[in-house]
Each structure stands twice: as C-alpha cells, then as structure tokens.
Amino acid sequence: MTLKKRSDDNSPSPRYLLQDLAARFGVLLLFSAVAHPERNRIEIFLGTVKMALKRANMIFSPATLRGMAEVESAKIT
C-alpha cells in the first residue's frame, strides 16, 4: 500500500464552519453536486432551457432567454 493511498484512506472528510453553525440550531445542510447535471436541479433546468433555445434556433438575447425560461419552467413538474 502506498503512502498516498494510506493518507487518502485516513484523511477526514471536509468540515465547513457553516455546518457547525447550522448544527447549533438543529439545521442539517445538504450540499448539491456542483458539476453533476443529474443531481443538481438548476443544471437540469438550464439544460432544458438551452435545448429549447437550440431547437427554436433563435438568436440569443436576455429577453429571449427570460421568455424561454418561463415557458420551460411551466413545463417542468
């Protein structure tokens, strides 16, 4: 067993100050996976909007994005 493997196996999981503060008030924090589209709901939503824009073959503008986001968010349950 290599030294790196042993250190990885025995290193503590990261602990955030915010978790400690929340625990004092009896609150459990759940962190979502940042770059994992299947586990992060905002990534699923943004992916849906991006695909709708691509299918519509529209020129991008903030107003177009806002309108498409409203239409697509109404479709998501």
C-alpha atoms as a PDB file:
ATOM      1  CA  MET A   1       0.000   0.000   0.000  1.00  0.00           C
ATOM      2  CA  THR A   2       1.452   3.357  -0.973  1.00  0.00           C
ATOM      3  CA  LEU A   3       1.816   6.259   1.397  1.00  0.00           C
ATOM      4  CA  LYS A   4      -0.575   8.391  -0.696  1.00  0.00           C
ATOM      5  CA  LYS A   5      -3.245   5.673  -0.591  1.00  0.00           C
ATOM      6  CA  ARG A   6      -2.897   5.363   3.181  1.00  0.00           C
ATOM      7  CA  SER A   7      -3.151   9.122   3.676  1.00  0.00           C
ATOM      8  CA  ASP A   8      -6.225   9.321   1.403  1.00  0.00           C
ATOM      9  CA  ASP A   9      -7.916   6.499   3.324  1.00  0.00           C
ATOM     10  CA  ASN A  10      -7.284   8.138   6.692  1.00  0.00           C
ATOM     11  CA  SER A  11      -7.912  11.791   5.863  1.00  0.00           C
ATOM     12  CA  PRO A  12     -11.008  13.306   7.489  1.00  0.00           C
ATOM     13  CA  SER A  13     -13.928  14.391   5.352  1.00  0.00           C
ATOM     14  CA  PRO A  14     -14.124  18.159   4.814  1.00  0.00           C
ATOM     15  CA  ARG A  15     -15.956  20.083   7.517  1.00  0.00           C
ATOM     16  CA  TYR A  16     -17.355  23.553   6.902  1.00  0.00           C
ATOM     17  CA  LEU A  17     -17.906  26.254   9.519  1.00  0.00           C
ATOM     18  CA  LEU A  18     -21.404  26.753   8.152  1.00  0.00           C
ATOM     19  CA  GLN A  19     -22.228  23.126   9.010  1.00  0.00           C
ATOM     20  CA  ASP A  20     -21.110  23.673  12.592  1.00  0.00           C
ATOM     21  CA  LEU A  21     -23.183  26.843  12.879  1.00  0.00           C
ATOM     22  CA  ALA A  22     -26.268  25.148  11.420  1.00  0.00           C
ATOM     23  CA  ALA A  23     -25.856  22.170  13.772  1.00  0.00           C
ATOM     24  CA  ARG A  24     -26.033  24.507  16.773  1.00  0.00           C
ATOM     25  CA  PHE A  25     -29.538  25.469  15.631  1.00  0.00           C
ATOM     26  CA  GLY A  26     -30.575  21.918  14.746  1.00  0.00           C
ATOM     27  CA  VAL A  27     -30.421  22.515  10.988  1.00  0.00           C
ATOM     28  CA  LEU A  28     -28.985  19.967   8.569  1.00  0.00           C
ATOM     29  CA  LEU A  29     -27.315  21.336   5.445  1.00  0.00           C
ATOM     30  CA  LEU A  30     -27.319  19.348   2.227  1.00  0.00           C
ATOM     31  CA  PHE A  31     -24.810  20.247  -0.460  1.00  0.00           C
ATOM     32  CA  SER A  32     -25.676  19.508  -4.060  1.00  0.00           C
ATOM     33  CA  ALA A  33     -23.130  18.280  -6.557  1.00  0.00           C
ATOM     34  CA  VAL A  34     -21.874  21.325  -8.417  1.00  0.00           C
ATOM     35  CA  ALA A  35     -20.902  19.836 -11.753  1.00  0.00           C
ATOM     36  CA  HIS A  36     -23.186  16.804 -11.804  1.00  0.00           C
ATOM     37  CA  PRO A  37     -26.217  17.571 -14.003  1.00  0.00           C
ATOM     38  CA  GLU A  38     -28.254  14.556 -12.874  1.00  0.00           C
ATOM     39  CA  ARG A  39     -28.027  15.588  -9.218  1.00  0.00           C
ATOM     40  CA  ASN A  40     -28.210  19.358  -9.475  1.00  0.00           C
ATOM     41  CA  ARG A  41     -31.705  20.628 -10.246  1.00  0.00           C
ATOM     42  CA  ILE A  42     -30.600  24.006 -11.602  1.00  0.00           C
ATOM     43  CA  GLU A  43     -28.364  22.214 -14.124  1.00  0.00           C
ATOM     44  CA  ILE A  44     -31.346  20.117 -15.249  1.00  0.00           C
ATOM     45  CA  PHE A  45     -33.446  23.269 -15.654  1.00  0.00           C
ATOM     46  CA  LEU A  46     -30.725  25.195 -17.505  1.00  0.00           C
ATOM     47  CA  GLY A  47     -30.084  22.209 -19.754  1.00  0.00           C
ATOM     48  CA  THR A  48     -33.790  22.107 -20.631  1.00  0.00           C
ATOM     49  CA  VAL A  49     -33.812  25.818 -21.483  1.00  0.00           C
ATOM     50  CA  LYS A  50     -30.612  25.502 -23.548  1.00  0.00           C
ATOM     51  CA  MET A  51     -32.077  22.632 -25.564  1.00  0.00           C
ATOM     52  CA  ALA A  52     -35.297  24.617 -26.157  1.00  0.00           C
ATOM     53  CA  LEU A  53     -33.243  27.569 -27.429  1.00  0.00           C
ATOM     54  CA  LYS A  54     -31.232  25.261 -29.663  1.00  0.00           C
ATOM     55  CA  ARG A  55     -34.363  23.624 -31.102  1.00  0.00           C
ATOM     56  CA  ALA A  56     -36.008  27.006 -31.700  1.00  0.00           C
ATOM     57  CA  ASN A  57     -32.833  28.211 -33.477  1.00  0.00           C
ATOM     58  CA  MET A  58     -33.278  31.696 -32.020  1.00  0.00           C
ATOM     59  CA  ILE A  59     -30.776  34.492 -31.662  1.00  0.00           C
ATOM     60  CA  PHE A  60     -29.765  34.838 -28.055  1.00  0.00           C
ATOM     61  CA  SER A  61     -30.769  37.874 -26.038  1.00  0.00           C
ATOM     62  CA  PRO A  62     -31.583  38.290 -22.358  1.00  0.00           C
ATOM     63  CA  ALA A  63     -35.255  38.864 -23.194  1.00  0.00           C
ATOM     64  CA  THR A  64     -35.369  35.691 -25.306  1.00  0.00           C
ATOM     65  CA  LEU A  65     -33.706  33.690 -22.544  1.00  0.00           C
ATOM     66  CA  ARG A  66     -36.126  35.036 -19.942  1.00  0.00           C
ATOM     67  CA  GLY A  67     -39.143  34.177 -22.097  1.00  0.00           C
ATOM     68  CA  MET A  68     -37.879  30.664 -22.894  1.00  0.00           C
ATOM     69  CA  ALA A  69     -37.043  30.074 -19.228  1.00  0.00           C
ATOM     70  CA  GLU A  70     -40.601  30.969 -18.237  1.00  0.00           C
ATOM     71  CA  VAL A  71     -42.083  28.674 -20.902  1.00  0.00           C
ATOM     72  CA  GLU A  72     -39.813  25.743 -19.994  1.00  0.00           C
ATOM     73  CA  SER A  73     -40.268  26.202 -16.235  1.00  0.00           C
ATOM     74  CA  ALA A  74     -44.033  25.928 -16.722  1.00  0.00           C
ATOM     75  CA  LYS A  75     -43.498  22.511 -18.353  1.00  0.00           C
ATOM     76  CA  ILE A  76     -41.358  21.102 -15.508  1.00  0.00           C
ATOM     77  CA  THR A  77     -43.235  19.425 -12.671  1.00  0.00           C
END
